[in-house]
């Protein structure tokens, strides 16, 4: 299993920072993941849906 990396603490650093998991306010215990990853995933799905809708209108 890969060691989770913190996307917020690692941004702009040469060294990746390990996720603090339950010690972090951004960590979603129920999903066992970072809320930043969930936000990015949901945004990608939203973009994909909008692109699909735009393609159907043509």
C-alpha atoms as a PDB file:
ATOM      1  CA  UNK A   1       0.000   0.000   0.000  1.00  0.00           C
ATOM      2  CA  UNK A   2       1.346   3.431  -0.955  1.00  0.00           C
ATOM      3  CA  UNK A   3       2.038   5.990   1.741  1.00  0.00           C
ATOM      4  CA  UNK A   4      -0.450   8.863   1.323  1.00  0.00           C
ATOM      5  CA  UNK A   5       1.036  12.254   0.493  1.00  0.00           C
ATOM      6  CA  UNK A   6      -0.427  15.556   1.682  1.00  0.00           C
ATOM      7  CA  UNK A   7      -1.308  17.655  -1.389  1.00  0.00           C
ATOM      8  CA  UNK A   8      -1.402  20.894   0.618  1.00  0.00           C
ATOM      9  CA  UNK A   9       1.857  20.518   2.520  1.00  0.00           C
ATOM     10  CA  UNK A  10       3.658  19.060  -0.504  1.00  0.00           C
ATOM     11  CA  UNK A  11       2.680  21.853  -2.915  1.00  0.00           C
ATOM     12  CA  UNK A  12       5.745  23.780  -3.984  1.00  0.00           C
ATOM     13  CA  UNK A  13       8.170  21.524  -2.073  1.00  0.00           C
ATOM     14  CA  UNK A  14      10.837  19.295  -3.543  1.00  0.00           C
ATOM     15  CA  UNK A  15      10.086  16.712  -0.851  1.00  0.00           C
ATOM     16  CA  UNK A  16       6.626  15.157  -0.489  1.00  0.00           C
ATOM     17  CA  UNK A  17       5.095  15.466   2.975  1.00  0.00           C
ATOM     18  CA  UNK A  18       3.357  12.405   4.409  1.00  0.00           C
ATOM     19  CA  UNK A  19      -0.364  12.741   5.197  1.00  0.00           C
ATOM     20  CA  UNK A  20      -1.125  13.174   8.905  1.00  0.00           C
ATOM     21  CA  UNK A  21      -4.479  11.446   8.310  1.00  0.00           C
ATOM     22  CA  UNK A  22      -6.731  11.729  11.378  1.00  0.00           C
ATOM     23  CA  UNK A  23      -4.546  14.484  12.850  1.00  0.00           C
ATOM     24  CA  UNK A  24      -5.418  16.735   9.896  1.00  0.00           C
ATOM     25  CA  UNK A  25      -8.523  18.911   9.606  1.00  0.00           C
ATOM     26  CA  UNK A  26      -8.745  18.131   5.863  1.00  0.00           C
ATOM     27  CA  UNK A  27      -8.803  14.353   6.364  1.00  0.00           C
ATOM     28  CA  UNK A  28     -12.184  12.651   5.929  1.00  0.00           C
ATOM     29  CA  UNK A  29     -12.176   9.702   8.302  1.00  0.00           C
ATOM     30  CA  UNK A  30     -15.330   8.130   6.818  1.00  0.00           C
ATOM     31  CA  UNK A  31     -13.776   8.071   3.333  1.00  0.00           C
ATOM     32  CA  UNK A  32     -10.196   7.440   4.522  1.00  0.00           C
ATOM     33  CA  UNK A  33      -8.921  10.137   2.192  1.00  0.00           C
ATOM     34  CA  UNK A  34      -8.045  13.805   1.993  1.00  0.00           C
ATOM     35  CA  UNK A  35     -10.870  16.224   1.267  1.00  0.00           C
ATOM     36  CA  UNK A  36      -8.608  18.003  -1.249  1.00  0.00           C
ATOM     37  CA  UNK A  37      -8.469  14.822  -3.343  1.00  0.00           C
ATOM     38  CA  UNK A  38     -12.243  14.481  -3.067  1.00  0.00           C
ATOM     39  CA  UNK A  39     -12.742  18.105  -4.157  1.00  0.00           C
ATOM     40  CA  UNK A  40     -10.467  17.576  -7.158  1.00  0.00           C
ATOM     41  CA  UNK A  41     -12.226  14.339  -8.100  1.00  0.00           C
ATOM     42  CA  UNK A  42     -15.654  15.971  -7.906  1.00  0.00           C
ATOM     43  CA  UNK A  43     -14.430  18.951  -9.956  1.00  0.00           C
ATOM     44  CA  UNK A  44     -13.079  16.598 -12.644  1.00  0.00           C
ATOM     45  CA  UNK A  45     -16.427  14.786 -12.789  1.00  0.00           C
ATOM     46  CA  UNK A  46     -18.244  18.123 -13.080  1.00  0.00           C
ATOM     47  CA  UNK A  47     -15.990  19.223 -15.947  1.00  0.00           C
ATOM     48  CA  UNK A  48     -16.496  15.914 -17.729  1.00  0.00           C
ATOM     49  CA  UNK A  49     -20.284  16.212 -17.364  1.00  0.00           C
ATOM     50  CA  UNK A  50     -20.274  19.791 -18.711  1.00  0.00           C
ATOM     51  CA  UNK A  51     -18.109  18.772 -21.670  1.00  0.00           C
ATOM     52  CA  UNK A  52     -20.489  15.910 -22.423  1.00  0.00           C
ATOM     53  CA  UNK A  53     -23.502  18.226 -22.269  1.00  0.00           C
ATOM     54  CA  UNK A  54     -21.789  20.762 -24.546  1.00  0.00           C
ATOM     55  CA  UNK A  55     -20.961  18.022 -27.072  1.00  0.00           C
ATOM     56  CA  UNK A  56     -24.596  16.866 -27.115  1.00  0.00           C
ATOM     57  CA  UNK A  57     -25.815  20.403 -27.912  1.00  0.00           C
ATOM     58  CA  UNK A  58     -23.717  20.558 -31.091  1.00  0.00           C
END
